[in-house]
Amino acid sequence: MKRSFEAEILDGEDVPEDVVARAHKDLDRLHGLLGNTAALVAALKTDPLPVRRVLDVGCGHGGLLLQLQRELNVDVVGADLRPPIASPFPILQADVTKGPLPEADVAICTYLAHHLSDEGFVSLIRNVGRSCRRFIILDLVRHRLPLVLFRIFIAPSLSPVNVADGCTSIRRSMQPSEMQAAVTKALTGTGATFEYSRTPFYSRQMVDIRYRS
């Protein structure tokens, strides 16, 4: 399947706020359904160093951060190009690929990578390394199997906007070899290391980066 760069509906600047809010609620539910929240909690719990503060780059409305705060009792902060009007914790308006980011022990990034160009993704990884010692990236996998499974099992419970954007997101995402190549390019010469994993049925891929101190 060739990678698509078709724009997603929610990336538009004229989308009504109530539609955006509904979309993020659906995403929060999907993170739990697909095991993304559990995967992040497990990764953060096994960190050999204390995790006192977590930064979510491209956090949207911050629902995932709120769950991590409750599960792990950590300080949380977000950064997003279009932060919500109100939030229970700080969300900085920023271009996360190049703008200054809040300092944190660990940064996370879920379902953002496929929104970026290859160059933008590389810039994101390098930028996060300026303020965090670890970066955990979760994203979709471009493959026909998750596209079929999404249409059959998940789409019926979502709004038409989320269904359309969900299919587009899978087509926009990277294949495992592309993801690993981009991360390798971003970290070359920095001394940083990373681990890569992918779930069965291609439902999720995960990159765990440890920056050099």
N, C-alpha and C. Protein backbone atom coordinates (compact mmCIF):
# COMPACT_ATOMS: atom_id res chain seq x y z
N MET A 1 0.85 -1.19 0.00
CA MET A 1 0.00 0.00 0.00
C MET A 1 0.89 1.25 0.00
N LYS A 2 0.72 2.10 -1.00
CA LYS A 2 1.52 3.31 -1.09
C LYS A 2 1.08 4.32 -0.05
N ARG A 3 2.04 5.03 0.54
CA ARG A 3 1.71 5.98 1.58
C ARG A 3 0.93 7.16 1.01
N SER A 4 -0.14 7.52 1.70
CA SER A 4 -0.97 8.65 1.29
C SER A 4 -0.57 9.90 2.09
N PHE A 5 -0.71 11.04 1.46
CA PHE A 5 -0.51 12.31 2.16
C PHE A 5 -1.78 13.16 2.06
N GLU A 6 -2.92 12.49 1.92
CA GLU A 6 -4.21 13.17 1.91
C GLU A 6 -4.46 13.82 3.26
N ALA A 7 -4.97 15.04 3.24
CA ALA A 7 -5.24 15.75 4.49
C ALA A 7 -6.40 15.12 5.23
N GLU A 8 -6.32 15.11 6.56
CA GLU A 8 -7.42 14.62 7.37
C GLU A 8 -8.38 15.76 7.69
N ILE A 9 -9.64 15.42 7.88
CA ILE A 9 -10.67 16.43 8.12
C ILE A 9 -10.33 17.29 9.33
N LEU A 10 -9.90 16.66 10.42
CA LEU A 10 -9.65 17.38 11.66
C LEU A 10 -8.40 18.26 11.60
N ASP A 11 -7.62 18.13 10.55
CA ASP A 11 -6.46 19.00 10.38
C ASP A 11 -6.87 20.36 9.83
N GLY A 12 -8.11 20.47 9.37
CA GLY A 12 -8.59 21.75 8.84
C GLY A 12 -8.79 22.78 9.94
N GLU A 13 -8.62 24.03 9.63
CA GLU A 13 -8.74 25.10 10.61
C GLU A 13 -10.17 25.55 10.85
N ASP A 14 -11.11 25.11 10.01
CA ASP A 14 -12.49 25.57 10.13
C ASP A 14 -13.42 24.50 10.70
N VAL A 15 -12.87 23.49 11.36
CA VAL A 15 -13.69 22.42 11.94
C VAL A 15 -14.31 22.93 13.23
N PRO A 16 -15.63 22.80 13.41
CA PRO A 16 -16.28 23.28 14.64
C PRO A 16 -15.69 22.63 15.89
N GLU A 17 -15.64 23.40 16.97
CA GLU A 17 -15.00 22.94 18.20
C GLU A 17 -15.69 21.70 18.77
N ASP A 18 -17.02 21.61 18.63
CA ASP A 18 -17.73 20.44 19.17
C ASP A 18 -17.37 19.17 18.41
N VAL A 19 -17.09 19.29 17.11
CA VAL A 19 -16.67 18.14 16.32
C VAL A 19 -15.27 17.69 16.75
N VAL A 20 -14.39 18.66 17.00
CA VAL A 20 -13.04 18.36 17.46
C VAL A 20 -13.08 17.68 18.82
N ALA A 21 -13.92 18.20 19.73
CA ALA A 21 -14.02 17.63 21.07
C ALA A 21 -14.52 16.19 21.02
N ARG A 22 -15.52 15.94 20.17
CA ARG A 22 -16.04 14.57 20.02
C ARG A 22 -14.95 13.64 19.48
N ALA A 23 -14.20 14.13 18.54
CA ALA A 23 -13.14 13.32 17.94
C ALA A 23 -12.10 12.92 18.99
N HIS A 24 -11.73 13.85 19.85
CA HIS A 24 -10.72 13.54 20.86
C HIS A 24 -11.27 12.58 21.92
N LYS A 25 -12.56 12.67 22.21
CA LYS A 25 -13.16 11.70 23.14
C LYS A 25 -13.11 10.30 22.54
N ASP A 26 -13.38 10.20 21.25
CA ASP A 26 -13.28 8.91 20.58
C ASP A 26 -11.84 8.39 20.62
N LEU A 27 -10.87 9.28 20.42
CA LEU A 27 -9.47 8.88 20.46
C LEU A 27 -9.07 8.39 21.85
N ASP A 28 -9.55 9.05 22.89
CA ASP A 28 -9.25 8.61 24.26
C ASP A 28 -9.78 7.19 24.49
N ARG A 29 -10.97 6.94 23.96
CA ARG A 29 -11.56 5.61 24.10
C ARG A 29 -10.78 4.57 23.31
N LEU A 30 -10.33 4.96 22.12
CA LEU A 30 -9.55 4.04 21.28
C LEU A 30 -8.20 3.70 21.91
N HIS A 31 -7.59 4.67 22.58
CA HIS A 31 -6.31 4.40 23.24
C HIS A 31 -6.47 3.28 24.27
N GLY A 32 -7.60 3.28 24.97
CA GLY A 32 -7.84 2.21 25.93
C GLY A 32 -8.18 0.90 25.24
N LEU A 33 -9.02 0.97 24.20
CA LEU A 33 -9.45 -0.22 23.49
C LEU A 33 -8.29 -0.93 22.81
N LEU A 34 -7.38 -0.17 22.22
CA LEU A 34 -6.25 -0.75 21.49
C LEU A 34 -5.04 -1.06 22.38
N GLY A 35 -5.16 -0.75 23.66
CA GLY A 35 -4.07 -1.06 24.58
C GLY A 35 -2.97 -0.02 24.61
N ASN A 36 -3.18 1.13 23.98
CA ASN A 36 -2.14 2.16 23.96
C ASN A 36 -1.85 2.70 25.36
N THR A 37 -2.92 2.98 26.12
CA THR A 37 -2.74 3.50 27.47
C THR A 37 -1.99 2.51 28.34
N ALA A 38 -2.38 1.25 28.28
CA ALA A 38 -1.72 0.21 29.07
C ALA A 38 -0.25 0.06 28.68
N ALA A 39 0.03 0.16 27.39
CA ALA A 39 1.42 0.04 26.92
C ALA A 39 2.28 1.18 27.45
N LEU A 40 1.73 2.39 27.46
CA LEU A 40 2.48 3.53 27.98
C LEU A 40 2.69 3.42 29.48
N VAL A 41 1.66 3.02 30.20
CA VAL A 41 1.79 2.86 31.65
C VAL A 41 2.87 1.83 31.98
N ALA A 42 2.85 0.71 31.26
CA ALA A 42 3.85 -0.33 31.50
C ALA A 42 5.26 0.16 31.21
N ALA A 43 5.42 0.90 30.12
CA ALA A 43 6.74 1.42 29.76
C ALA A 43 7.25 2.41 30.79
N LEU A 44 6.38 3.27 31.27
CA LEU A 44 6.79 4.28 32.24
C LEU A 44 7.09 3.66 33.60
N LYS A 45 6.36 2.62 33.96
CA LYS A 45 6.59 1.95 35.24
C LYS A 45 7.93 1.23 35.28
N THR A 46 8.42 0.81 34.12
CA THR A 46 9.69 0.06 34.10
C THR A 46 10.89 0.95 33.84
N ASP A 47 10.70 2.26 33.82
CA ASP A 47 11.83 3.17 33.63
C ASP A 47 12.79 3.02 34.81
N PRO A 48 14.07 2.83 34.56
CA PRO A 48 15.03 2.65 35.66
C PRO A 48 15.26 3.91 36.49
N LEU A 49 14.87 5.06 35.96
CA LEU A 49 15.02 6.32 36.66
C LEU A 49 13.65 6.85 37.08
N PRO A 50 13.60 7.70 38.08
CA PRO A 50 12.31 8.26 38.50
C PRO A 50 11.63 9.04 37.38
N VAL A 51 10.34 8.83 37.20
CA VAL A 51 9.54 9.60 36.24
C VAL A 51 8.62 10.51 37.04
N ARG A 52 8.98 11.77 37.08
CA ARG A 52 8.19 12.74 37.85
C ARG A 52 7.29 13.59 36.96
N ARG A 53 7.73 13.76 35.69
CA ARG A 53 6.95 14.61 34.80
C ARG A 53 6.92 14.01 33.40
N VAL A 54 5.72 13.99 32.80
CA VAL A 54 5.52 13.44 31.46
C VAL A 54 5.00 14.53 30.54
N LEU A 55 5.62 14.64 29.38
CA LEU A 55 5.20 15.59 28.36
C LEU A 55 4.57 14.83 27.20
N ASP A 56 3.39 15.28 26.77
CA ASP A 56 2.72 14.71 25.60
C ASP A 56 2.82 15.71 24.46
N VAL A 57 3.59 15.37 23.42
CA VAL A 57 3.72 16.27 22.27
C VAL A 57 2.63 15.92 21.25
N GLY A 58 1.88 16.94 20.84
CA GLY A 58 0.72 16.69 20.00
C GLY A 58 -0.40 16.08 20.83
N CYS A 59 -0.66 16.66 22.00
CA CYS A 59 -1.54 16.03 22.99
C CYS A 59 -3.02 16.19 22.70
N GLY A 60 -3.39 17.03 21.73
CA GLY A 60 -4.82 17.24 21.49
C GLY A 60 -5.47 17.88 22.70
N HIS A 61 -6.55 17.28 23.18
CA HIS A 61 -7.25 17.80 24.35
C HIS A 61 -6.72 17.23 25.66
N GLY A 62 -5.71 16.37 25.59
CA GLY A 62 -5.03 15.92 26.80
C GLY A 62 -5.67 14.78 27.55
N GLY A 63 -6.60 14.06 26.92
CA GLY A 63 -7.28 12.97 27.62
C GLY A 63 -6.34 11.85 28.03
N LEU A 64 -5.39 11.52 27.18
CA LEU A 64 -4.44 10.45 27.49
C LEU A 64 -3.55 10.86 28.66
N LEU A 65 -3.08 12.09 28.68
CA LEU A 65 -2.26 12.57 29.78
C LEU A 65 -3.00 12.51 31.11
N LEU A 66 -4.28 12.83 31.06
CA LEU A 66 -5.09 12.78 32.28
C LEU A 66 -5.16 11.36 32.83
N GLN A 67 -5.28 10.38 31.94
CA GLN A 67 -5.29 8.98 32.38
C GLN A 67 -3.95 8.58 32.97
N LEU A 68 -2.85 9.02 32.36
CA LEU A 68 -1.53 8.69 32.89
C LEU A 68 -1.31 9.36 34.25
N GLN A 69 -1.81 10.56 34.40
CA GLN A 69 -1.67 11.26 35.67
C GLN A 69 -2.37 10.48 36.78
N ARG A 70 -3.55 9.96 36.48
CA ARG A 70 -4.30 9.19 37.47
C ARG A 70 -3.65 7.85 37.77
N GLU A 71 -3.12 7.21 36.74
CA GLU A 71 -2.53 5.88 36.91
C GLU A 71 -1.18 5.93 37.63
N LEU A 72 -0.39 6.96 37.34
CA LEU A 72 0.99 6.98 37.80
C LEU A 72 1.30 8.07 38.83
N ASN A 73 0.34 8.96 39.05
CA ASN A 73 0.54 10.05 40.00
C ASN A 73 1.77 10.88 39.64
N VAL A 74 1.83 11.30 38.38
CA VAL A 74 2.95 12.11 37.91
C VAL A 74 2.44 13.48 37.48
N ASP A 75 3.37 14.42 37.43
CA ASP A 75 3.06 15.74 36.88
C ASP A 75 2.99 15.61 35.36
N VAL A 76 2.04 16.28 34.72
CA VAL A 76 1.89 16.16 33.27
C VAL A 76 1.79 17.54 32.64
N VAL A 77 2.26 17.62 31.39
CA VAL A 77 2.19 18.85 30.63
C VAL A 77 2.07 18.47 29.16
N GLY A 78 1.35 19.27 28.40
CA GLY A 78 1.15 18.98 26.99
C GLY A 78 1.65 20.09 26.09
N ALA A 79 1.80 19.76 24.81
CA ALA A 79 2.15 20.75 23.79
C ALA A 79 1.40 20.39 22.52
N ASP A 80 0.77 21.37 21.91
CA ASP A 80 -0.03 21.10 20.72
C ASP A 80 -0.15 22.38 19.92
N LEU A 81 -0.25 22.22 18.60
CA LEU A 81 -0.40 23.38 17.71
C LEU A 81 -1.74 24.07 17.93
N ARG A 82 -2.77 23.28 18.31
CA ARG A 82 -4.10 23.82 18.56
C ARG A 82 -4.61 23.33 19.91
N PRO A 83 -4.13 23.91 21.00
CA PRO A 83 -4.57 23.46 22.33
C PRO A 83 -6.03 23.81 22.58
N PRO A 84 -6.69 23.07 23.48
CA PRO A 84 -8.08 23.38 23.79
C PRO A 84 -8.20 24.69 24.56
N ILE A 85 -9.40 25.20 24.61
CA ILE A 85 -9.63 26.47 25.32
C ILE A 85 -9.39 26.30 26.81
N ALA A 86 -9.80 25.16 27.37
CA ALA A 86 -9.62 24.92 28.80
C ALA A 86 -9.04 23.52 29.01
N SER A 87 -8.21 23.38 30.03
CA SER A 87 -7.59 22.08 30.33
C SER A 87 -7.26 22.02 31.81
N PRO A 88 -7.33 20.83 32.44
CA PRO A 88 -7.00 20.69 33.86
C PRO A 88 -5.50 20.76 34.15
N PHE A 89 -4.67 20.81 33.11
CA PHE A 89 -3.22 20.93 33.28
C PHE A 89 -2.67 21.78 32.13
N PRO A 90 -1.43 22.26 32.25
CA PRO A 90 -0.88 23.17 31.23
C PRO A 90 -0.71 22.49 29.87
N ILE A 91 -1.16 23.16 28.82
CA ILE A 91 -0.91 22.73 27.44
C ILE A 91 -0.36 23.93 26.68
N LEU A 92 0.89 23.80 26.28
CA LEU A 92 1.57 24.88 25.58
C LEU A 92 1.23 24.85 24.09
N GLN A 93 0.93 26.01 23.53
CA GLN A 93 0.74 26.10 22.09
C GLN A 93 2.11 26.16 21.43
N ALA A 94 2.41 25.19 20.57
CA ALA A 94 3.75 25.13 19.99
C ALA A 94 3.76 24.25 18.76
N ASP A 95 4.68 24.55 17.86
CA ASP A 95 5.02 23.65 16.77
C ASP A 95 6.03 22.67 17.37
N VAL A 96 5.57 21.46 17.66
CA VAL A 96 6.40 20.52 18.43
C VAL A 96 7.59 20.01 17.64
N THR A 97 7.62 20.25 16.33
CA THR A 97 8.76 19.79 15.54
C THR A 97 9.98 20.71 15.65
N LYS A 98 9.75 21.94 16.13
CA LYS A 98 10.89 22.87 16.19
C LYS A 98 10.81 23.91 17.29
N GLY A 99 9.65 24.10 17.88
CA GLY A 99 9.52 25.11 18.92
C GLY A 99 10.02 24.62 20.27
N PRO A 100 10.33 25.56 21.18
CA PRO A 100 10.76 25.17 22.54
C PRO A 100 9.68 24.35 23.24
N LEU A 101 10.09 23.31 23.95
CA LEU A 101 9.15 22.43 24.64
C LEU A 101 9.45 22.43 26.14
N PRO A 102 8.43 22.17 26.96
CA PRO A 102 8.66 22.08 28.41
C PRO A 102 9.59 20.92 28.74
N GLU A 103 10.39 21.07 29.76
CA GLU A 103 11.25 19.99 30.20
C GLU A 103 10.44 18.92 30.93
N ALA A 104 10.82 17.66 30.70
CA ALA A 104 10.15 16.54 31.36
C ALA A 104 11.11 15.36 31.38
N ASP A 105 10.82 14.39 32.23
CA ASP A 105 11.64 13.18 32.25
C ASP A 105 11.41 12.36 30.98
N VAL A 106 10.14 12.18 30.65
CA VAL A 106 9.77 11.37 29.50
C VAL A 106 8.73 12.10 28.66
N ALA A 107 8.89 12.04 27.35
CA ALA A 107 7.89 12.57 26.43
C ALA A 107 7.19 11.40 25.74
N ILE A 108 5.92 11.57 25.45
CA ILE A 108 5.17 10.57 24.70
C ILE A 108 4.56 11.24 23.48
N CYS A 109 4.22 10.41 22.50
CA CYS A 109 3.64 10.92 21.26
C CYS A 109 2.76 9.81 20.69
N THR A 110 1.47 10.03 20.60
CA THR A 110 0.56 9.00 20.11
C THR A 110 -0.24 9.52 18.92
N TYR A 111 -0.18 8.77 17.83
CA TYR A 111 -0.96 9.07 16.63
C TYR A 111 -0.64 10.44 16.03
N LEU A 112 0.59 10.91 16.24
CA LEU A 112 1.01 12.16 15.63
C LEU A 112 1.94 11.94 14.45
N ALA A 113 2.77 10.92 14.50
CA ALA A 113 3.81 10.72 13.49
C ALA A 113 3.26 10.71 12.07
N HIS A 114 2.09 10.08 11.88
CA HIS A 114 1.55 9.98 10.52
C HIS A 114 1.03 11.31 9.98
N HIS A 115 0.91 12.30 10.87
CA HIS A 115 0.50 13.63 10.42
C HIS A 115 1.68 14.43 9.86
N LEU A 116 2.89 13.93 10.09
CA LEU A 116 4.09 14.68 9.72
C LEU A 116 4.73 14.13 8.45
N SER A 117 5.44 15.00 7.77
CA SER A 117 6.29 14.54 6.67
C SER A 117 7.48 13.79 7.26
N ASP A 118 8.24 13.11 6.41
CA ASP A 118 9.44 12.42 6.90
C ASP A 118 10.38 13.40 7.58
N GLU A 119 10.56 14.57 6.96
CA GLU A 119 11.45 15.57 7.52
C GLU A 119 10.90 16.11 8.85
N GLY A 120 9.59 16.29 8.90
CA GLY A 120 8.97 16.77 10.13
C GLY A 120 9.10 15.79 11.27
N PHE A 121 9.00 14.49 10.96
CA PHE A 121 9.13 13.46 11.99
C PHE A 121 10.56 13.43 12.53
N VAL A 122 11.53 13.52 11.65
CA VAL A 122 12.93 13.56 12.07
C VAL A 122 13.18 14.79 12.95
N SER A 123 12.64 15.93 12.57
CA SER A 123 12.79 17.16 13.35
C SER A 123 12.14 17.03 14.72
N LEU A 124 10.99 16.37 14.77
CA LEU A 124 10.29 16.15 16.05
C LEU A 124 11.18 15.37 17.02
N ILE A 125 11.76 14.28 16.54
CA ILE A 125 12.60 13.44 17.40
C ILE A 125 13.79 14.23 17.93
N ARG A 126 14.43 14.99 17.07
CA ARG A 126 15.58 15.79 17.51
C ARG A 126 15.16 16.89 18.47
N ASN A 127 14.01 17.50 18.22
CA ASN A 127 13.54 18.59 19.07
C ASN A 127 13.20 18.11 20.48
N VAL A 128 12.54 16.97 20.57
CA VAL A 128 12.16 16.43 21.89
C VAL A 128 13.41 16.12 22.71
N GLY A 129 14.47 15.67 22.05
CA GLY A 129 15.71 15.34 22.75
C GLY A 129 16.37 16.52 23.44
N ARG A 130 15.94 17.73 23.12
CA ARG A 130 16.51 18.91 23.76
C ARG A 130 15.93 19.15 25.15
N SER A 131 14.79 18.52 25.46
CA SER A 131 14.14 18.80 26.74
C SER A 131 13.77 17.54 27.53
N CYS A 132 13.97 16.35 26.95
CA CYS A 132 13.59 15.10 27.63
C CYS A 132 14.69 14.06 27.45
N ARG A 133 14.80 13.14 28.39
CA ARG A 133 15.81 12.08 28.30
C ARG A 133 15.28 10.83 27.61
N ARG A 134 13.96 10.75 27.43
CA ARG A 134 13.35 9.56 26.82
C ARG A 134 12.12 9.99 26.03
N PHE A 135 11.86 9.29 24.93
CA PHE A 135 10.74 9.63 24.06
C PHE A 135 10.07 8.35 23.58
N ILE A 136 8.80 8.18 23.91
CA ILE A 136 8.04 6.99 23.52
C ILE A 136 7.03 7.40 22.45
N ILE A 137 7.14 6.79 21.29
CA ILE A 137 6.29 7.12 20.14
C ILE A 137 5.39 5.93 19.82
N LEU A 138 4.09 6.16 19.77
CA LEU A 138 3.13 5.15 19.34
C LEU A 138 2.43 5.66 18.09
N ASP A 139 2.27 4.79 17.11
CA ASP A 139 1.55 5.20 15.91
C ASP A 139 0.93 3.99 15.23
N LEU A 140 0.11 4.28 14.24
CA LEU A 140 -0.51 3.24 13.43
C LEU A 140 0.51 2.63 12.48
N VAL A 141 0.11 1.55 11.81
CA VAL A 141 0.95 0.89 10.82
C VAL A 141 0.21 0.86 9.50
N ARG A 142 0.89 1.26 8.45
CA ARG A 142 0.26 1.23 7.12
C ARG A 142 0.25 -0.21 6.60
N HIS A 143 -0.94 -0.81 6.65
CA HIS A 143 -1.09 -2.20 6.24
C HIS A 143 -2.58 -2.46 6.01
N ARG A 144 -2.90 -3.34 5.10
CA ARG A 144 -4.31 -3.60 4.76
C ARG A 144 -5.08 -4.23 5.92
N LEU A 145 -4.39 -5.04 6.76
CA LEU A 145 -5.10 -5.73 7.83
C LEU A 145 -5.71 -4.77 8.85
N PRO A 146 -4.97 -3.81 9.44
CA PRO A 146 -5.63 -2.89 10.37
C PRO A 146 -6.70 -2.03 9.70
N LEU A 147 -6.56 -1.76 8.42
CA LEU A 147 -7.57 -0.98 7.71
C LEU A 147 -8.89 -1.76 7.66
N VAL A 148 -8.80 -3.05 7.35
CA VAL A 148 -9.99 -3.91 7.30
C VAL A 148 -10.60 -4.06 8.69
N LEU A 149 -9.77 -4.32 9.70
CA LEU A 149 -10.26 -4.51 11.06
C LEU A 149 -10.89 -3.23 11.60
N PHE A 150 -10.32 -2.09 11.26
CA PHE A 150 -10.89 -0.81 11.69
C PHE A 150 -12.29 -0.63 11.12
N ARG A 151 -12.45 -0.91 9.84
CA ARG A 151 -13.75 -0.72 9.20
C ARG A 151 -14.81 -1.65 9.77
N ILE A 152 -14.42 -2.88 10.12
CA ILE A 152 -15.39 -3.86 10.59
C ILE A 152 -15.74 -3.68 12.06
N PHE A 153 -14.71 -3.51 12.92
CA PHE A 153 -14.94 -3.58 14.36
C PHE A 153 -14.99 -2.23 15.07
N ILE A 154 -14.35 -1.21 14.55
CA ILE A 154 -14.26 0.06 15.26
C ILE A 154 -15.12 1.15 14.64
N ALA A 155 -15.13 1.22 13.32
CA ALA A 155 -15.84 2.29 12.62
C ALA A 155 -17.31 2.40 13.01
N PRO A 156 -18.04 1.29 13.21
CA PRO A 156 -19.47 1.43 13.53
C PRO A 156 -19.77 2.24 14.79
N SER A 157 -18.81 2.37 15.69
CA SER A 157 -19.05 3.10 16.94
C SER A 157 -18.55 4.54 16.88
N LEU A 158 -18.03 4.97 15.74
CA LEU A 158 -17.47 6.30 15.62
C LEU A 158 -18.33 7.21 14.75
N SER A 159 -18.08 8.50 14.84
CA SER A 159 -18.76 9.47 13.98
C SER A 159 -18.21 9.36 12.57
N PRO A 160 -18.96 9.83 11.57
CA PRO A 160 -18.46 9.79 10.19
C PRO A 160 -17.11 10.47 10.01
N VAL A 161 -16.88 11.56 10.73
CA VAL A 161 -15.59 12.27 10.64
C VAL A 161 -14.46 11.38 11.13
N ASN A 162 -14.67 10.72 12.27
CA ASN A 162 -13.64 9.85 12.81
C ASN A 162 -13.39 8.63 11.93
N VAL A 163 -14.43 8.13 11.31
CA VAL A 163 -14.27 6.98 10.41
C VAL A 163 -13.41 7.38 9.21
N ALA A 164 -13.76 8.51 8.61
CA ALA A 164 -13.00 8.97 7.44
C ALA A 164 -11.54 9.24 7.80
N ASP A 165 -11.33 9.94 8.92
CA ASP A 165 -9.96 10.27 9.32
C ASP A 165 -9.20 9.03 9.78
N GLY A 166 -9.91 8.05 10.37
CA GLY A 166 -9.24 6.82 10.80
C GLY A 166 -8.67 6.06 9.62
N CYS A 167 -9.44 5.94 8.55
CA CYS A 167 -8.95 5.26 7.35
C CYS A 167 -7.80 6.03 6.72
N THR A 168 -7.94 7.35 6.68
CA THR A 168 -6.86 8.18 6.12
C THR A 168 -5.59 8.05 6.97
N SER A 169 -5.74 8.00 8.29
CA SER A 169 -4.59 7.90 9.19
C SER A 169 -3.79 6.63 8.92
N ILE A 170 -4.47 5.52 8.73
CA ILE A 170 -3.77 4.27 8.45
C ILE A 170 -3.02 4.36 7.14
N ARG A 171 -3.64 4.95 6.13
CA ARG A 171 -2.98 5.09 4.83
C ARG A 171 -1.80 6.06 4.90
N ARG A 172 -1.85 7.02 5.81
CA ARG A 172 -0.77 8.01 5.94
C ARG A 172 0.39 7.50 6.79
N SER A 173 0.17 6.49 7.59
CA SER A 173 1.18 6.03 8.54
C SER A 173 2.33 5.32 7.84
N MET A 174 3.40 5.12 8.58
CA MET A 174 4.60 4.49 8.04
C MET A 174 4.56 2.98 8.23
N GLN A 175 5.22 2.27 7.35
CA GLN A 175 5.45 0.86 7.54
C GLN A 175 6.62 0.68 8.50
N PRO A 176 6.76 -0.48 9.14
CA PRO A 176 7.83 -0.68 10.13
C PRO A 176 9.22 -0.29 9.65
N SER A 177 9.56 -0.68 8.43
CA SER A 177 10.90 -0.36 7.92
C SER A 177 11.07 1.14 7.76
N GLU A 178 10.02 1.84 7.34
CA GLU A 178 10.08 3.29 7.16
C GLU A 178 10.23 4.01 8.50
N MET A 179 9.48 3.54 9.49
CA MET A 179 9.55 4.12 10.83
C MET A 179 10.96 3.98 11.41
N GLN A 180 11.51 2.78 11.33
CA GLN A 180 12.84 2.55 11.90
C GLN A 180 13.92 3.33 11.14
N ALA A 181 13.77 3.45 9.84
CA ALA A 181 14.74 4.22 9.05
C ALA A 181 14.71 5.69 9.43
N ALA A 182 13.52 6.24 9.65
CA ALA A 182 13.38 7.64 10.01
C ALA A 182 13.98 7.91 11.39
N VAL A 183 13.73 6.99 12.33
CA VAL A 183 14.28 7.16 13.69
C VAL A 183 15.80 7.07 13.65
N THR A 184 16.31 6.11 12.90
CA THR A 184 17.77 5.96 12.77
C THR A 184 18.39 7.23 12.20
N LYS A 185 17.77 7.80 11.18
CA LYS A 185 18.27 9.05 10.58
C LYS A 185 18.29 10.17 11.61
N ALA A 186 17.21 10.27 12.40
CA ALA A 186 17.11 11.36 13.38
C ALA A 186 18.16 11.25 14.47
N LEU A 187 18.55 10.03 14.82
CA LEU A 187 19.45 9.82 15.95
C LEU A 187 20.92 9.64 15.56
N THR A 188 21.19 9.54 14.27
CA THR A 188 22.56 9.31 13.81
C THR A 188 23.50 10.40 14.34
N GLY A 189 24.57 9.95 14.97
CA GLY A 189 25.57 10.87 15.48
C GLY A 189 25.28 11.47 16.84
N THR A 190 24.14 11.10 17.45
CA THR A 190 23.75 11.70 18.73
C THR A 190 24.12 10.82 19.92
N GLY A 191 24.39 9.55 19.69
CA GLY A 191 24.65 8.63 20.79
C GLY A 191 23.38 8.05 21.40
N ALA A 192 22.21 8.47 20.92
CA ALA A 192 20.95 7.95 21.43
C ALA A 192 20.68 6.56 20.88
N THR A 193 19.87 5.78 21.59
CA THR A 193 19.50 4.44 21.16
C THR A 193 17.98 4.31 21.16
N PHE A 194 17.48 3.29 20.46
CA PHE A 194 16.03 3.08 20.48
C PHE A 194 15.70 1.60 20.35
N GLU A 195 14.52 1.25 20.84
CA GLU A 195 13.96 -0.08 20.68
C GLU A 195 12.66 0.05 19.89
N TYR A 196 12.41 -0.91 19.02
CA TYR A 196 11.21 -0.89 18.18
C TYR A 196 10.39 -2.14 18.45
N SER A 197 9.07 -1.99 18.47
CA SER A 197 8.18 -3.15 18.60
C SER A 197 6.90 -2.91 17.82
N ARG A 198 6.26 -4.01 17.43
CA ARG A 198 4.99 -3.94 16.71
C ARG A 198 4.06 -5.01 17.25
N THR A 199 2.79 -4.66 17.40
CA THR A 199 1.82 -5.62 17.93
C THR A 199 1.33 -6.55 16.82
N PRO A 200 0.76 -7.70 17.22
CA PRO A 200 0.13 -8.57 16.22
C PRO A 200 -1.00 -7.82 15.50
N PHE A 201 -1.29 -8.25 14.31
CA PHE A 201 -2.34 -7.65 13.48
C PHE A 201 -2.02 -6.21 13.07
N TYR A 202 -0.78 -5.78 13.28
CA TYR A 202 -0.34 -4.46 12.84
C TYR A 202 -1.19 -3.32 13.42
N SER A 203 -1.67 -3.51 14.63
CA SER A 203 -2.54 -2.48 15.22
C SER A 203 -1.76 -1.29 15.77
N ARG A 204 -0.48 -1.51 16.09
CA ARG A 204 0.30 -0.42 16.67
C ARG A 204 1.79 -0.71 16.50
N GLN A 205 2.58 0.35 16.29
CA GLN A 205 4.03 0.24 16.36
C GLN A 205 4.53 1.24 17.41
N MET A 206 5.62 0.87 18.05
CA MET A 206 6.11 1.66 19.18
C MET A 206 7.62 1.81 19.09
N VAL A 207 8.09 3.02 19.28
CA VAL A 207 9.51 3.32 19.32
C VAL A 207 9.83 3.92 20.69
N ASP A 208 10.84 3.38 21.35
CA ASP A 208 11.25 3.85 22.67
C ASP A 208 12.68 4.37 22.57
N ILE A 209 12.83 5.68 22.59
CA ILE A 209 14.13 6.34 22.39
C ILE A 209 14.72 6.75 23.73
N ARG A 210 15.99 6.44 23.90
CA ARG A 210 16.75 6.91 25.08
C ARG A 210 17.85 7.86 24.56
N TYR A 211 17.69 9.14 24.90
CA TYR A 211 18.69 10.11 24.46
C TYR A 211 19.93 10.03 25.35
N ARG A 212 21.06 10.38 24.79
CA ARG A 212 22.29 10.41 25.55
C ARG A 212 22.27 11.61 26.49
N SER A 213 22.63 11.39 27.74
CA SER A 213 22.62 12.46 28.73
C SER A 213 23.66 13.53 28.39
